[in-house]
Amino acid sequence: MADLQVSVVSADAEVWTGAARQIVARTTEGEIGILPGHEPILAVLAAGEVRVTTTAGQVVAANAEDGFLSVDHDVVAIVARNAALV
């Protein structure tokens, strides 16, 4: 199975980047899970935690608010005005 290529960025810095197996994020429509092969999507982030499960099985968590999540061809961009690792 392919991996996700993930970037979590805030307005002033890159917070985390790397390969992942899964992402769970809170959007204005509710919580969403992203796995490799997910259809393209653009979603508005709600304030909350973004959890990234790396290919090594480690969970990286970041608080994010005021932004969006984009998925296209296993490339995931999480862009927020405010984002920081937990």
PDB file of N, CA and C in Angstrom:
ATOM      1  N   MET A   1       0.845  -1.187   0.000  1.00  0.00           N
ATOM      2  CA  MET A   1       0.000   0.000   0.000  1.00  0.00           C
ATOM      3  C   MET A   1       0.889   1.249   0.000  1.00  0.00           C
ATOM      4  N   ALA A   2       0.479   2.239  -0.721  1.00  0.00           N
ATOM      5  CA  ALA A   2       1.220   3.504  -0.797  1.00  0.00           C
ATOM      6  C   ALA A   2       1.137   4.263   0.520  1.00  0.00           C
ATOM      7  N   ASP A   3       2.029   5.200   0.682  1.00  0.00           N
ATOM      8  CA  ASP A   3       2.023   6.066   1.863  1.00  0.00           C
ATOM      9  C   ASP A   3       1.460   7.424   1.490  1.00  0.00           C
ATOM     10  N   LEU A   4       1.051   8.146   2.508  1.00  0.00           N
ATOM     11  CA  LEU A   4       0.648   9.538   2.346  1.00  0.00           C
ATOM     12  C   LEU A   4       1.871  10.423   2.538  1.00  0.00           C
ATOM     13  N   GLN A   5       2.000  11.456   1.749  1.00  0.00           N
ATOM     14  CA  GLN A   5       3.046  12.462   1.939  1.00  0.00           C
ATOM     15  C   GLN A   5       2.361  13.661   2.586  1.00  0.00           C
ATOM     16  N   VAL A   6       2.732  13.973   3.813  1.00  0.00           N
ATOM     17  CA  VAL A   6       1.991  14.929   4.633  1.00  0.00           C
ATOM     18  C   VAL A   6       2.840  16.146   4.980  1.00  0.00           C
ATOM     19  N   SER A   7       2.200  17.313   4.921  1.00  0.00           N
ATOM     20  CA  SER A   7       2.798  18.559   5.404  1.00  0.00           C
ATOM     21  C   SER A   7       1.786  19.252   6.296  1.00  0.00           C
ATOM     22  N   VAL A   8       2.220  19.590   7.502  1.00  0.00           N
ATOM     23  CA  VAL A   8       1.411  20.381   8.417  1.00  0.00           C
ATOM     24  C   VAL A   8       2.138  21.707   8.577  1.00  0.00           C
ATOM     25  N   VAL A   9       1.491  22.798   8.161  1.00  0.00           N
ATOM     26  CA  VAL A   9       2.138  24.100   8.218  1.00  0.00           C
ATOM     27  C   VAL A   9       1.237  25.133   8.884  1.00  0.00           C
ATOM     28  N   SER A  10       1.880  26.071   9.566  1.00  0.00           N
ATOM     29  CA  SER A  10       1.165  27.213  10.133  1.00  0.00           C
ATOM     30  C   SER A  10       1.518  28.427   9.288  1.00  0.00           C
ATOM     31  N   ALA A  11       0.976  29.563   9.635  1.00  0.00           N
ATOM     32  CA  ALA A  11       1.207  30.781   8.862  1.00  0.00           C
ATOM     33  C   ALA A  11       2.679  31.168   8.817  1.00  0.00           C
ATOM     34  N   ASP A  12       3.439  30.789   9.841  1.00  0.00           N
ATOM     35  CA  ASP A  12       4.826  31.240   9.905  1.00  0.00           C
ATOM     36  C   ASP A  12       5.884  30.142   9.894  1.00  0.00           C
ATOM     37  N   ALA A  13       5.477  28.868   9.852  1.00  0.00           N
ATOM     38  CA  ALA A  13       6.482  27.803   9.906  1.00  0.00           C
ATOM     39  C   ALA A  13       5.907  26.460   9.480  1.00  0.00           C
ATOM     40  N   GLU A  14       6.803  25.568   9.033  1.00  0.00           N
ATOM     41  CA  GLU A  14       6.401  24.197   8.786  1.00  0.00           C
ATOM     42  C   GLU A  14       6.443  23.476  10.133  1.00  0.00           C
ATOM     43  N   VAL A  15       5.345  22.857  10.514  1.00  0.00           N
ATOM     44  CA  VAL A  15       5.237  22.206  11.815  1.00  0.00           C
ATOM     45  C   VAL A  15       5.731  20.761  11.752  1.00  0.00           C
ATOM     46  N   TRP A  16       5.320  20.025  10.708  1.00  0.00           N
ATOM     47  CA  TRP A  16       5.749  18.641  10.552  1.00  0.00           C
ATOM     48  C   TRP A  16       5.582  18.251   9.090  1.00  0.00           C
ATOM     49  N   THR A  17       6.493  17.412   8.610  1.00  0.00           N
ATOM     50  CA  THR A  17       6.372  16.870   7.259  1.00  0.00           C
ATOM     51  C   THR A  17       6.944  15.470   7.260  1.00  0.00           C
ATOM     52  N   GLY A  18       6.359  14.582   6.454  1.00  0.00           N
ATOM     53  CA  GLY A  18       6.865  13.226   6.374  1.00  0.00           C
ATOM     54  C   GLY A  18       5.859  12.278   5.767  1.00  0.00           C
ATOM     55  N   ALA A  19       6.199  11.000   5.807  1.00  0.00           N
ATOM     56  CA  ALA A  19       5.339   9.949   5.265  1.00  0.00           C
ATOM     57  C   ALA A  19       4.444   9.413   6.378  1.00  0.00           C
ATOM     58  N   ALA A  20       3.209   9.070   6.009  1.00  0.00           N
ATOM     59  CA  ALA A  20       2.244   8.608   7.006  1.00  0.00           C
ATOM     60  C   ALA A  20       1.359   7.507   6.442  1.00  0.00           C
ATOM     61  N   ARG A  21       0.755   6.754   7.374  1.00  0.00           N
ATOM     62  CA  ARG A  21      -0.213   5.722   7.011  1.00  0.00           C
ATOM     63  C   ARG A  21      -1.636   6.222   7.148  1.00  0.00           C
ATOM     64  N   GLN A  22      -1.855   7.182   8.058  1.00  0.00           N
ATOM     65  CA  GLN A  22      -3.220   7.634   8.360  1.00  0.00           C
ATOM     66  C   GLN A  22      -3.185   9.025   8.965  1.00  0.00           C
ATOM     67  N   ILE A  23      -4.259   9.775   8.710  1.00  0.00           N
ATOM     68  CA  ILE A  23      -4.444  11.099   9.315  1.00  0.00           C
ATOM     69  C   ILE A  23      -5.870  11.182   9.819  1.00  0.00           C
ATOM     70  N   VAL A  24      -6.039  11.747  10.990  1.00  0.00           N
ATOM     71  CA  VAL A  24      -7.364  12.037  11.526  1.00  0.00           C
ATOM     72  C   VAL A  24      -7.379  13.516  11.895  1.00  0.00           C
ATOM     73  N   ALA A  25      -8.383  14.236  11.390  1.00  0.00           N
ATOM     74  CA  ALA A  25      -8.461  15.673  11.644  1.00  0.00           C
ATOM     75  C   ALA A  25      -9.909  16.069  11.888  1.00  0.00           C
ATOM     76  N   ARG A  26     -10.086  17.166  12.577  1.00  0.00           N
ATOM     77  CA  ARG A  26     -11.420  17.704  12.838  1.00  0.00           C
ATOM     78  C   ARG A  26     -11.716  18.791  11.809  1.00  0.00           C
ATOM     79  N   THR A  27     -12.838  18.631  11.101  1.00  0.00           N
ATOM     80  CA  THR A  27     -13.261  19.634  10.129  1.00  0.00           C
ATOM     81  C   THR A  27     -14.578  20.242  10.599  1.00  0.00           C
ATOM     82  N   THR A  28     -15.040  21.249   9.892  1.00  0.00           N
ATOM     83  CA  THR A  28     -16.318  21.865  10.250  1.00  0.00           C
ATOM     84  C   THR A  28     -17.483  20.915  10.024  1.00  0.00           C
ATOM     85  N   GLU A  29     -17.273  19.842   9.253  1.00  0.00           N
ATOM     86  CA  GLU A  29     -18.307  18.841   8.996  1.00  0.00           C
ATOM     87  C   GLU A  29     -18.201  17.645   9.942  1.00  0.00           C
ATOM     88  N   GLY A  30     -17.176  17.614  10.785  1.00  0.00           N
ATOM     89  CA  GLY A  30     -16.946  16.497  11.697  1.00  0.00           C
ATOM     90  C   GLY A  30     -15.550  15.933  11.510  1.00  0.00           C
ATOM     91  N   GLU A  31     -15.254  14.868  12.239  1.00  0.00           N
ATOM     92  CA  GLU A  31     -13.925  14.271  12.174  1.00  0.00           C
ATOM     93  C   GLU A  31     -13.786  13.471  10.879  1.00  0.00           C
ATOM     94  N   ILE A  32     -12.592  13.523  10.274  1.00  0.00           N
ATOM     95  CA  ILE A  32     -12.341  12.820   9.023  1.00  0.00           C
ATOM     96  C   ILE A  32     -11.067  12.004   9.157  1.00  0.00           C
ATOM     97  N   GLY A  33     -11.087  10.821   8.580  1.00  0.00           N
ATOM     98  CA  GLY A  33      -9.905   9.967   8.521  1.00  0.00           C
ATOM     99  C   GLY A  33      -9.436   9.863   7.086  1.00  0.00           C
ATOM    100  N   ILE A  34      -8.138   9.963   6.888  1.00  0.00           N
ATOM    101  CA  ILE A  34      -7.551   9.895   5.553  1.00  0.00           C
ATOM    102  C   ILE A  34      -6.579   8.721   5.506  1.00  0.00           C
ATOM    103  N   LEU A  35      -6.764   7.842   4.528  1.00  0.00           N
ATOM    104  CA  LEU A  35      -5.867   6.721   4.274  1.00  0.00           C
ATOM    105  C   LEU A  35      -5.330   6.851   2.846  1.00  0.00           C
ATOM    106  N   PRO A  36      -4.238   6.146   2.514  1.00  0.00           N
ATOM    107  CA  PRO A  36      -3.759   6.177   1.129  1.00  0.00           C
ATOM    108  C   PRO A  36      -4.883   5.776   0.169  1.00  0.00           C
ATOM    109  N   GLY A  37      -4.924   6.438  -0.983  1.00  0.00           N
ATOM    110  CA  GLY A  37      -5.952   6.157  -1.971  1.00  0.00           C
ATOM    111  C   GLY A  37      -7.222   6.963  -1.781  1.00  0.00           C
ATOM    112  N   HIS A  38      -7.263   7.844  -0.777  1.00  0.00           N
ATOM    113  CA  HIS A  38      -8.459   8.653  -0.515  1.00  0.00           C
ATOM    114  C   HIS A  38      -8.756   9.541  -1.713  1.00  0.00           C
ATOM    115  N   GLU A  39     -10.026   9.745  -1.969  1.00  0.00           N
ATOM    116  CA  GLU A  39     -10.420  10.642  -3.060  1.00  0.00           C
ATOM    117  C   GLU A  39      -9.961  12.061  -2.752  1.00  0.00           C
ATOM    118  N   PRO A  40      -9.728  12.866  -3.790  1.00  0.00           N
ATOM    119  CA  PRO A  40      -9.354  14.265  -3.556  1.00  0.00           C
ATOM    120  C   PRO A  40     -10.439  14.983  -2.745  1.00  0.00           C
ATOM    121  N   ILE A  41      -9.990  15.824  -1.816  1.00  0.00           N
ATOM    122  CA  ILE A  41     -10.924  16.536  -0.954  1.00  0.00           C
ATOM    123  C   ILE A  41     -10.279  17.845  -0.503  1.00  0.00           C
ATOM    124  N   LEU A  42     -11.116  18.824  -0.279  1.00  0.00           N
ATOM    125  CA  LEU A  42     -10.695  20.077   0.334  1.00  0.00           C
ATOM    126  C   LEU A  42     -11.688  20.337   1.450  1.00  0.00           C
ATOM    127  N   ALA A  43     -11.210  20.429   2.692  1.00  0.00           N
ATOM    128  CA  ALA A  43     -12.089  20.593   3.847  1.00  0.00           C
ATOM    129  C   ALA A  43     -11.596  21.732   4.724  1.00  0.00           C
ATOM    130  N   VAL A  44     -12.536  22.427   5.355  1.00  0.00           N
ATOM    131  CA  VAL A  44     -12.213  23.508   6.280  1.00  0.00           C
ATOM    132  C   VAL A  44     -11.964  22.906   7.658  1.00  0.00           C
ATOM    133  N   LEU A  45     -10.810  23.224   8.255  1.00  0.00           N
ATOM    134  CA  LEU A  45     -10.477  22.711   9.585  1.00  0.00           C
ATOM    135  C   LEU A  45     -11.289  23.415  10.666  1.00  0.00           C
ATOM    136  N   ALA A  46     -11.706  22.659  11.646  1.00  0.00           N
ATOM    137  CA  ALA A  46     -12.248  23.221  12.881  1.00  0.00           C
ATOM    138  C   ALA A  46     -11.103  23.199  13.889  1.00  0.00           C
ATOM    139  N   ALA A  47     -11.180  24.034  14.908  1.00  0.00           N
ATOM    140  CA  ALA A  47     -10.135  24.036  15.935  1.00  0.00           C
ATOM    141  C   ALA A  47     -10.095  22.658  16.587  1.00  0.00           C
ATOM    142  N   GLY A  48      -8.906  22.094  16.689  1.00  0.00           N
ATOM    143  CA  GLY A  48      -8.780  20.783  17.313  1.00  0.00           C
ATOM    144  C   GLY A  48      -7.470  20.119  16.958  1.00  0.00           C
ATOM    145  N   GLU A  49      -7.398  18.852  17.275  1.00  0.00           N
ATOM    146  CA  GLU A  49      -6.172  18.095  17.108  1.00  0.00           C
ATOM    147  C   GLU A  49      -6.141  17.379  15.762  1.00  0.00           C
ATOM    148  N   VAL A  50      -4.992  17.396  15.132  1.00  0.00           N
ATOM    149  CA  VAL A  50      -4.714  16.611  13.931  1.00  0.00           C
ATOM    150  C   VAL A  50      -3.760  15.510  14.359  1.00  0.00           C
ATOM    151  N   ARG A  51      -4.116  14.249  14.093  1.00  0.00           N
ATOM    152  CA  ARG A  51      -3.267  13.117  14.461  1.00  0.00           C
ATOM    153  C   ARG A  51      -2.746  12.438  13.190  1.00  0.00           C
ATOM    154  N   VAL A  52      -1.441  12.327  13.112  1.00  0.00           N
ATOM    155  CA  VAL A  52      -0.784  11.698  11.973  1.00  0.00           C
ATOM    156  C   VAL A  52      -0.110  10.433  12.475  1.00  0.00           C
ATOM    157  N   THR A  53      -0.458   9.289  11.878  1.00  0.00           N
ATOM    158  CA  THR A  53       0.223   8.036  12.200  1.00  0.00           C
ATOM    159  C   THR A  53       1.288   7.814  11.134  1.00  0.00           C
ATOM    160  N   THR A  54       2.542   7.866  11.554  1.00  0.00           N
ATOM    161  CA  THR A  54       3.656   7.746  10.617  1.00  0.00           C
ATOM    162  C   THR A  54       3.768   6.314  10.095  1.00  0.00           C
ATOM    163  N   THR A  55       4.601   6.133   9.101  1.00  0.00           N
ATOM    164  CA  THR A  55       4.808   4.792   8.554  1.00  0.00           C
ATOM    165  C   THR A  55       5.478   3.873   9.574  1.00  0.00           C
ATOM    166  N   ALA A  56       6.132   4.444  10.591  1.00  0.00           N
ATOM    167  CA  ALA A  56       6.755   3.659  11.666  1.00  0.00           C
ATOM    168  C   ALA A  56       5.763   3.344  12.788  1.00  0.00           C
ATOM    169  N   GLY A  57       4.535   3.868  12.687  1.00  0.00           N
ATOM    170  CA  GLY A  57       3.515   3.599  13.702  1.00  0.00           C
ATOM    171  C   GLY A  57       3.462   4.625  14.811  1.00  0.00           C
ATOM    172  N   GLN A  58       4.326   5.631  14.787  1.00  0.00           N
ATOM    173  CA  GLN A  58       4.320   6.696  15.794  1.00  0.00           C
ATOM    174  C   GLN A  58       3.176   7.665  15.490  1.00  0.00           C
ATOM    175  N   VAL A  59       2.528   8.177  16.533  1.00  0.00           N
ATOM    176  CA  VAL A  59       1.457   9.160  16.352  1.00  0.00           C
ATOM    177  C   VAL A  59       2.003  10.549  16.675  1.00  0.00           C
ATOM    178  N   VAL A  60       1.902  11.440  15.694  1.00  0.00           N
ATOM    179  CA  VAL A  60       2.310  12.831  15.852  1.00  0.00           C
ATOM    180  C   VAL A  60       1.019  13.643  15.942  1.00  0.00           C
ATOM    181  N   ALA A  61       0.882  14.440  16.995  1.00  0.00           N
ATOM    182  CA  ALA A  61      -0.334  15.236  17.183  1.00  0.00           C
ATOM    183  C   ALA A  61       0.004  16.717  17.144  1.00  0.00           C
ATOM    184  N   ALA A  62      -0.886  17.474  16.512  1.00  0.00           N
ATOM    185  CA  ALA A  62      -0.722  18.924  16.439  1.00  0.00           C
ATOM    186  C   ALA A  62      -2.074  19.577  16.648  1.00  0.00           C
ATOM    187  N   ASN A  63      -2.089  20.675  17.369  1.00  0.00           N
ATOM    188  CA  ASN A  63      -3.302  21.482  17.463  1.00  0.00           C
ATOM    189  C   ASN A  63      -3.308  22.425  16.271  1.00  0.00           C
ATOM    190  N   ALA A  64      -4.451  22.536  15.610  1.00  0.00           N
ATOM    191  CA  ALA A  64      -4.562  23.399  14.437  1.00  0.00           C
ATOM    192  C   ALA A  64      -5.906  24.109  14.457  1.00  0.00           C
ATOM    193  N   GLU A  65      -5.919  25.344  13.942  1.00  0.00           N
ATOM    194  CA  GLU A  65      -7.168  26.091  13.839  1.00  0.00           C
ATOM    195  C   GLU A  65      -7.087  27.083  12.687  1.00  0.00           C
ATOM    196  N   ASP A  66      -8.259  27.441  12.175  1.00  0.00           N
ATOM    197  CA  ASP A  66      -8.365  28.424  11.087  1.00  0.00           C
ATOM    198  C   ASP A  66      -7.549  28.036   9.868  1.00  0.00           C
ATOM    199  N   GLY A  67      -7.952  26.963   9.208  1.00  0.00           N
ATOM    200  CA  GLY A  67      -7.235  26.550   8.022  1.00  0.00           C
ATOM    201  C   GLY A  67      -8.003  25.544   7.208  1.00  0.00           C
ATOM    202  N   PHE A  68      -7.274  24.757   6.417  1.00  0.00           N
ATOM    203  CA  PHE A  68      -7.907  23.759   5.571  1.00  0.00           C
ATOM    204  C   PHE A  68      -7.028  22.528   5.447  1.00  0.00           C
ATOM    205  N   LEU A  69      -7.650  21.457   4.965  1.00  0.00           N
ATOM    206  CA  LEU A  69      -6.986  20.191   4.708  1.00  0.00           C
ATOM    207  C   LEU A  69      -7.236  19.859   3.245  1.00  0.00           C
ATOM    208  N   SER A  70      -6.187  19.518   2.532  1.00  0.00           N
ATOM    209  CA  SER A  70      -6.291  19.181   1.118  1.00  0.00           C
ATOM    210  C   SER A  70      -5.676  17.812   0.879  1.00  0.00           C
ATOM    211  N   VAL A  71      -6.381  16.963   0.102  1.00  0.00           N
ATOM    212  CA  VAL A  71      -5.869  15.644  -0.256  1.00  0.00           C
ATOM    213  C   VAL A  71      -5.947  15.511  -1.768  1.00  0.00           C
ATOM    214  N   ASP A  72      -4.836  15.111  -2.392  1.00  0.00           N
ATOM    215  CA  ASP A  72      -4.821  14.863  -3.830  1.00  0.00           C
ATOM    216  C   ASP A  72      -3.668  13.919  -4.158  1.00  0.00           C
ATOM    217  N   HIS A  73      -3.993  12.759  -4.709  1.00  0.00           N
ATOM    218  CA  HIS A  73      -2.994  11.756  -5.093  1.00  0.00           C
ATOM    219  C   HIS A  73      -2.035  11.417  -3.953  1.00  0.00           C
ATOM    220  N   ASP A  74      -2.579  11.124  -2.785  1.00  0.00           N
ATOM    221  CA  ASP A  74      -1.824  10.731  -1.593  1.00  0.00           C
ATOM    222  C   ASP A  74      -0.886  11.816  -1.073  1.00  0.00           C
ATOM    223  N   VAL A  75      -1.115  13.054  -1.465  1.00  0.00           N
ATOM    224  CA  VAL A  75      -0.400  14.203  -0.920  1.00  0.00           C
ATOM    225  C   VAL A  75      -1.389  14.989  -0.072  1.00  0.00           C
ATOM    226  N   VAL A  76      -1.063  15.155   1.199  1.00  0.00           N
ATOM    227  CA  VAL A  76      -1.958  15.825   2.142  1.00  0.00           C
ATOM    228  C   VAL A  76      -1.290  17.096   2.648  1.00  0.00           C
ATOM    229  N   ALA A  77      -1.999  18.197   2.519  1.00  0.00           N
ATOM    230  CA  ALA A  77      -1.520  19.478   3.050  1.00  0.00           C
ATOM    231  C   ALA A  77      -2.510  19.942   4.100  1.00  0.00           C
ATOM    232  N   ILE A  78      -2.006  20.216   5.283  1.00  0.00           N
ATOM    233  CA  ILE A  78      -2.815  20.777   6.360  1.00  0.00           C
ATOM    234  C   ILE A  78      -2.229  22.155   6.635  1.00  0.00           C
ATOM    235  N   VAL A  79      -2.996  23.161   6.284  1.00  0.00           N
ATOM    236  CA  VAL A  79      -2.539  24.550   6.378  1.00  0.00           C
ATOM    237  C   VAL A  79      -3.436  25.275   7.376  1.00  0.00           C
ATOM    238  N   ALA A  80      -2.824  25.842   8.409  1.00  0.00           N
ATOM    239  CA  ALA A  80      -3.588  26.516   9.455  1.00  0.00           C
ATOM    240  C   ALA A  80      -2.944  27.847   9.825  1.00  0.00           C
ATOM    241  N   ARG A  81      -3.782  28.767  10.238  1.00  0.00           N
ATOM    242  CA  ARG A  81      -3.222  30.036  10.721  1.00  0.00           C
ATOM    243  C   ARG A  81      -2.353  29.777  11.944  1.00  0.00           C
ATOM    244  N   ASN A  82      -2.864  28.939  12.845  1.00  0.00           N
ATOM    245  CA  ASN A  82      -2.127  28.555  14.051  1.00  0.00           C
ATOM    246  C   ASN A  82      -2.022  27.025  14.089  1.00  0.00           C
ATOM    247  N   ALA A  83      -0.826  26.516  14.213  1.00  0.00           N
ATOM    248  CA  ALA A  83      -0.601  25.076  14.351  1.00  0.00           C
ATOM    249  C   ALA A  83       0.666  24.865  15.156  1.00  0.00           C
ATOM    250  N   ALA A  84       0.618  23.887  16.048  1.00  0.00           N
ATOM    251  CA  ALA A  84       1.784  23.569  16.881  1.00  0.00           C
ATOM    252  C   ALA A  84       1.692  22.119  17.324  1.00  0.00           C
ATOM    253  N   LEU A  85       2.839  21.458  17.421  1.00  0.00           N
ATOM    254  CA  LEU A  85       2.870  20.086  17.920  1.00  0.00           C
ATOM    255  C   LEU A  85       2.436  20.062  19.372  1.00  0.00           C
ATOM    256  N   VAL A  86       1.760  18.980  19.729  1.00  0.00           N
ATOM    257  CA  VAL A  86       1.279  18.817  21.113  1.00  0.00           C
ATOM    258  C   VAL A  86       2.355  18.139  21.921  1.00  0.00           C
TER     259      VAL A  86
END
